[in-house]
C-alpha atoms as a PDB file:
ATOM      1  CA  ILE A   1       0.000   0.000   0.000  1.00  0.00           C
ATOM      2  CA  TRP A   2       2.783   2.423   0.966  1.00  0.00           C
ATOM      3  CA  LEU A   3       4.666   1.757  -2.267  1.00  0.00           C
ATOM      4  CA  LEU A   4       1.565   2.345  -4.379  1.00  0.00           C
ATOM      5  CA  LEU A   5       0.830   5.623  -2.602  1.00  0.00           C
ATOM      6  CA  TRP A   6       4.457   6.702  -2.940  1.00  0.00           C
ATOM      7  CA  ILE A   7       4.582   5.962  -6.659  1.00  0.00           C
ATOM      8  CA  SER A   8       1.252   7.641  -7.384  1.00  0.00           C
ATOM      9  CA  LEU A   9       1.648  10.753  -5.203  1.00  0.00           C
ATOM     10  CA  THR A  10       5.301  11.757  -5.592  1.00  0.00           C
ATOM     11  CA  SER A  11       7.532  13.022  -8.362  1.00  0.00           C
ATOM     12  CA  ASP A  12      11.159  13.971  -8.920  1.00  0.00           C
ATOM     13  CA  SER A  13      10.478  17.696  -9.110  1.00  0.00           C
ATOM     14  CA  PRO A  14       7.599  20.170  -8.934  1.00  0.00           C
ATOM     15  CA  ASN A  15       7.724  20.450 -12.740  1.00  0.00           C
ATOM     16  CA  ASN A  16       6.923  16.739 -13.105  1.00  0.00           C
ATOM     17  CA  HIS A  17       4.200  16.577 -10.448  1.00  0.00           C
ATOM     18  CA  LYS A  18       0.778  15.607 -11.798  1.00  0.00           C
ATOM     19  CA  THR A  19      -1.610  17.202  -9.316  1.00  0.00           C
ATOM     20  CA  ILE A  20      -0.237  20.578  -8.177  1.00  0.00           C
ATOM     21  CA  SER A  21      -1.478  23.796  -9.721  1.00  0.00           C
ATOM     22  CA  ASP A  22       0.671  26.145 -11.800  1.00  0.00           C
ATOM     23  CA  HIS A  23       0.595  28.643  -8.937  1.00  0.00           C
ATOM     24  CA  GLU A  24       1.912  26.034  -6.466  1.00  0.00           C
ATOM     25  CA  ARG A  25       4.551  24.883  -8.962  1.00  0.00           C
ATOM     26  CA  ASP A  26       5.783  28.453  -9.532  1.00  0.00           C
ATOM     27  CA  TYR A  27       5.775  29.168  -5.798  1.00  0.00           C
ATOM     28  CA  ILE A  28       7.863  26.077  -4.993  1.00  0.00           C
ATOM     29  CA  CYS A  29      10.273  26.681  -7.874  1.00  0.00           C
ATOM     30  CA  ASN A  30      10.776  30.340  -6.917  1.00  0.00           C
ATOM     31  CA  LEU A  31      11.196  29.487  -3.245  1.00  0.00           C
ATOM     32  CA  THR A  32      13.725  26.713  -3.800  1.00  0.00           C
ATOM     33  CA  GLY A  33      15.421  28.096  -6.891  1.00  0.00           C
ATOM     34  CA  SER A  34      14.495  24.932  -8.754  1.00  0.00           C
ATOM     35  CA  THR A  35      14.711  25.171 -12.515  1.00  0.00           C
ATOM     36  CA  GLY A  36      13.579  21.637 -13.181  1.00  0.00           C
ATOM     37  CA  LYS A  37      16.953  20.697 -14.610  1.00  0.00           C
ATOM     38  CA  LYS A  38      18.790  17.844 -12.983  1.00  0.00           C
ATOM     39  CA  ARG A  39      22.079  18.702 -11.350  1.00  0.00           C
ATOM     40  CA  SER A  40      25.023  16.860 -12.714  1.00  0.00           C
ATOM     41  CA  MET A  41      26.745  15.356  -9.718  1.00  0.00           C
ATOM     42  CA  THR A  42      29.191  12.533  -9.845  1.00  0.00           C
ATOM     43  CA  LEU A  43      30.682  10.500  -7.047  1.00  0.00           C
ATOM     44  CA  ALA A  44      34.033  12.113  -7.790  1.00  0.00           C
ATOM     45  CA  SER A  45      32.622  15.619  -7.228  1.00  0.00           C
ATOM     46  CA  ILE A  46      31.513  14.847  -3.652  1.00  0.00           C
ATOM     47  CA  PRO A  47      34.145  15.864  -1.050  1.00  0.00           C
ATOM     48  CA  TRP A  48      34.329  12.428   0.602  1.00  0.00           C
ATOM     49  CA  LYS A  49      37.562  13.108   2.473  1.00  0.00           C
ATOM     50  CA  ASN A  50      36.148  16.276   4.059  1.00  0.00           C
ATOM     51  CA  ILE A  51      32.945  14.467   4.971  1.00  0.00           C
ATOM     52  CA  PHE A  52      34.577  11.457   6.626  1.00  0.00           C
ATOM     53  CA  THR A  53      37.242  13.492   8.446  1.00  0.00           C
ATOM     54  CA  SER A  54      34.688  15.947   9.829  1.00  0.00           C
ATOM     55  CA  LYS A  55      34.934  15.945  13.638  1.00  0.00           C
ATOM     56  CA  PRO A  56      31.185  16.535  14.162  1.00  0.00           C
ATOM     57  CA  LEU A  57      30.372  13.614  11.863  1.00  0.00           C
ATOM     58  CA  ILE A  58      32.850  11.335  13.628  1.00  0.00           C
ATOM     59  CA  ALA A  59      31.392  12.348  17.007  1.00  0.00           C
ATOM     60  CA  LEU A  60      27.897  11.659  15.690  1.00  0.00           C
ATOM     61  CA  PHE A  61      28.928   8.210  14.440  1.00  0.00           C
ATOM     62  CA  ILE A  62      30.541   7.341  17.770  1.00  0.00           C
ATOM     63  CA  THR A  63      27.538   8.465  19.837  1.00  0.00           C
ATOM     64  CA  HIS A  64      25.068   6.625  17.633  1.00  0.00           C
ATOM     65  CA  ILE A  65      27.122   3.422  17.605  1.00  0.00           C
ATOM     66  CA  ALA A  66      27.470   3.523  21.403  1.00  0.00           C
ATOM     67  CA  ASN A  67      23.784   4.354  21.799  1.00  0.00           C
ATOM     68  CA  LEU A  68      22.694   1.524  19.504  1.00  0.00           C
ATOM     69  CA  PHE A  69      25.051  -0.960  21.166  1.00  0.00           C
ATOM     70  CA  GLY A  70      23.602  -0.160  24.585  1.00  0.00           C
ATOM     71  CA  LEU A  71      20.048  -0.124  23.285  1.00  0.00           C
ATOM     72  CA  PHE A  72      20.206  -3.474  21.502  1.00  0.00           C
ATOM     73  CA  PHE A  73      22.156  -5.092  24.327  1.00  0.00           C
ATOM     74  CA  PHE A  74      19.470  -3.930  26.727  1.00  0.00           C
ATOM     75  CA  LEU A  75      16.541  -4.801  24.454  1.00  0.00           C
ATOM     76  CA  THR A  76      17.748  -8.351  23.911  1.00  0.00           C
ATOM     77  CA  ASN A  77      17.901  -8.889  27.673  1.00  0.00           C
ATOM     78  CA  LEU A  78      14.768  -7.029  28.808  1.00  0.00           C
ATOM     79  CA  GLY A  79      12.604 -10.119  29.188  1.00  0.00           C
ATOM     80  CA  LYS A  80      15.350 -11.859  31.135  1.00  0.00           C
ATOM     81  CA  ILE A  81      15.808  -8.825  33.428  1.00  0.00           C
ATOM     82  CA  LEU A  82      12.090  -8.699  34.175  1.00  0.00           C
ATOM     83  CA  THR A  83      11.678 -12.426  34.832  1.00  0.00           C
ATOM     84  CA  GLU A  84      14.950 -13.271  36.582  1.00  0.00           C
ATOM     85  CA  ILE A  85      15.832 -10.120  38.519  1.00  0.00           C
ATOM     86  CA  HIS A  86      12.442  -8.547  39.202  1.00  0.00           C
ATOM     87  CA  ARG A  87      10.531 -11.852  39.319  1.00  0.00           C
ATOM     88  CA  VAL A  88       7.785 -10.630  36.999  1.00  0.00           C
ATOM     89  CA  PRO A  89       5.720 -13.583  35.750  1.00  0.00           C
ATOM     90  CA  THR A  90       6.553 -14.404  32.137  1.00  0.00           C
ATOM     91  CA  GLN A  91       2.977 -13.871  30.944  1.00  0.00           C
ATOM     92  CA  TYR A  92       3.155 -10.189  31.984  1.00  0.00           C
ATOM     93  CA  THR A  93       6.533  -9.267  30.501  1.00  0.00           C
ATOM     94  CA  GLY A  94       5.054  -8.878  27.015  1.00  0.00           C
ATOM     95  CA  TYR A  95       2.476  -6.387  28.282  1.00  0.00           C
ATOM     96  CA  ILE A  96       5.101  -4.380  30.142  1.00  0.00           C
ATOM     97  CA  LEU A  97       7.388  -4.257  27.120  1.00  0.00           C
ATOM     98  CA  ALA A  98       4.479  -3.354  24.824  1.00  0.00           C
ATOM     99  CA  CYS A  99       3.712  -0.392  27.107  1.00  0.00           C
ATOM    100  CA  GLY A 100       7.362   0.627  26.920  1.00  0.00           C
ATOM    101  CA  PHE A 101       7.405   0.527  23.127  1.00  0.00           C
ATOM    102  CA  PHE A 102       4.143   2.486  23.019  1.00  0.00           C
ATOM    103  CA  LEU A 103       5.804   5.110  25.219  1.00  0.00           C
ATOM    104  CA  THR A 104       8.701   5.137  22.736  1.00  0.00           C
ATOM    105  CA  LEU A 105       6.249   6.018  19.980  1.00  0.00           C
ATOM    106  CA  LEU A 106       4.614   8.765  22.035  1.00  0.00           C
ATOM    107  CA  THR A 107       7.872  10.382  23.128  1.00  0.00           C
ATOM    108  CA  SER A 108       9.343  10.204  19.626  1.00  0.00           C
ATOM    109  CA  LEU A 109       6.372  12.038  18.181  1.00  0.00           C
ATOM    110  CA  SER A 110       5.998  14.526  21.023  1.00  0.00           C
ATOM    111  CA  SER A 111       9.699  15.396  21.207  1.00  0.00           C
ATOM    112  CA  GLY A 112       9.642  16.435  17.555  1.00  0.00           C
ATOM    113  CA  ILE A 113       6.579  18.589  18.164  1.00  0.00           C
ATOM    114  CA  ILE A 114       8.150  20.162  21.260  1.00  0.00           C
ATOM    115  CA  ALA A 115      11.438  20.837  19.449  1.00  0.00           C
ATOM    116  CA  ASP A 116       9.595  22.470  16.539  1.00  0.00           C
ATOM    117  CA  TYR A 117       7.609  24.617  18.969  1.00  0.00           C
ATOM    118  CA  LEU A 118      10.768  25.752  20.791  1.00  0.00           C
ATOM    119  CA  VAL A 119      12.524  26.651  17.540  1.00  0.00           C
ATOM    120  CA  ARG A 120       9.472  28.294  15.956  1.00  0.00           C
ATOM    121  CA  ASN A 121       8.897  30.524  19.017  1.00  0.00           C
ATOM    122  CA  ASN A 122      12.590  31.484  19.213  1.00  0.00           C
ATOM    123  CA  VAL A 123      13.048  29.850  22.613  1.00  0.00           C
ATOM    124  CA  MET A 124      16.197  28.198  21.246  1.00  0.00           C
ATOM    125  CA  THR A 125      18.014  27.820  17.977  1.00  0.00           C
ATOM    126  CA  LEU A 126      17.701  24.744  15.821  1.00  0.00           C
ATOM    127  CA  THR A 127      21.253  23.695  16.706  1.00  0.00           C
ATOM    128  CA  THR A 128      20.581  24.072  20.436  1.00  0.00           C
ATOM    129  CA  ALA A 129      17.337  22.101  20.159  1.00  0.00           C
ATOM    130  CA  ARG A 130      19.105  19.299  18.304  1.00  0.00           C
ATOM    131  CA  LYS A 131      21.917  19.173  20.847  1.00  0.00           C
ATOM    132  CA  MET A 132      19.525  19.265  23.788  1.00  0.00           C
ATOM    133  CA  PHE A 133      17.206  16.522  22.518  1.00  0.00           C
ATOM    134  CA  ASN A 134      20.140  14.360  21.396  1.00  0.00           C
ATOM    135  CA  SER A 135      21.681  14.736  24.853  1.00  0.00           C
ATOM    136  CA  LEU A 136      18.402  13.926  26.597  1.00  0.00           C
ATOM    137  CA  THR A 137      17.939  10.779  24.522  1.00  0.00           C
ATOM    138  CA  SER A 138      21.427   9.681  25.534  1.00  0.00           C
ATOM    139  CA  PHE A 139      21.609  10.669  29.200  1.00  0.00           C
ATOM    140  CA  ILE A 140      18.136   9.631  30.395  1.00  0.00           C
ATOM    141  CA  PRO A 141      18.600   5.969  29.349  1.00  0.00           C
ATOM    142  CA  VAL A 142      22.060   5.958  30.965  1.00  0.00           C
ATOM    143  CA  LEU A 143      20.584   7.171  34.246  1.00  0.00           C
ATOM    144  CA  CYS A 144      17.850   4.540  33.966  1.00  0.00           C
ATOM    145  CA  MET A 145      20.377   1.768  33.375  1.00  0.00           C
ATOM    146  CA  ILE A 146      22.449   2.889  36.361  1.00  0.00           C
ATOM    147  CA  SER A 147      19.395   3.084  38.619  1.00  0.00           C
ATOM    148  CA  LEU A 148      18.244  -0.325  37.365  1.00  0.00           C
ATOM    149  CA  CYS A 149      21.406  -1.789  38.892  1.00  0.00           C
ATOM    150  CA  PHE A 150      20.060  -0.855  42.333  1.00  0.00           C
ATOM    151  CA  CYS A 151      16.610  -2.367  41.778  1.00  0.00           C
ATOM    152  CA  ASP A 152      15.985  -5.946  42.787  1.00  0.00           C
ATOM    153  CA  GLU A 153      12.958  -8.115  43.489  1.00  0.00           C
ATOM    154  CA  SER A 154      11.972  -5.950  46.468  1.00  0.00           C
ATOM    155  CA  ASN A 155      11.876  -2.854  44.204  1.00  0.00           C
ATOM    156  CA  LYS A 156       9.876  -4.523  41.425  1.00  0.00           C
ATOM    157  CA  ILE A 157       7.665  -1.512  40.660  1.00  0.00           C
ATOM    158  CA  LEU A 158      10.633   0.868  40.591  1.00  0.00           C
ATOM    159  CA  GLY A 159      12.459  -1.518  38.265  1.00  0.00           C
ATOM    160  CA  ILE A 160       9.500  -1.695  35.892  1.00  0.00           C
ATOM    161  CA  ILE A 161       9.098   2.098  35.915  1.00  0.00           C
ATOM    162  CA  THR A 162      12.822   2.475  35.235  1.00  0.00           C
ATOM    163  CA  ILE A 163      12.559   0.127  32.248  1.00  0.00           C
ATOM    164  CA  LEU A 164       9.534   2.021  30.928  1.00  0.00           C
ATOM    165  CA  VAL A 165      11.343   5.362  31.257  1.00  0.00           C
ATOM    166  CA  PHE A 166      14.376   3.835  29.531  1.00  0.00           C
ATOM    167  CA  LEU A 167      12.232   2.789  26.592  1.00  0.00           C
ATOM    168  CA  ALA A 168      10.409   6.116  26.493  1.00  0.00           C
END
């Protein structure tokens, strides 16, 4: 279904689009400086060395690799943590994890809306918003993982809440 919608509703440029009006086409072309001509770009013309030696890009790669390693390590062991450490019955772990993944969906959508609001109302710059939300999505799970180390069977509810906050 998605592929059919994509093929039928999109085009390579405003000049090739089937359903927009001439006014919309002119507006988009004037706004973006699009002439409808394809740019001639080759792989050799892209500054690969500058891209891959860029310190911000290297830092971004390192943070994302570390974040994904921790996330997938944790996700593969979540059921085991709930059943063996917190003594949650196996039949309930799926419900708990489903709630956590639903919270992930909600926070992903709402954080984008909040960031757009903050940038649109000049509360912070786009760069600051990106740095802040990237930092929050890194530091909050770290704090949850550290606090999870201090939760055992006697702190079952706190452990479950910590896991839910981690996933959110």
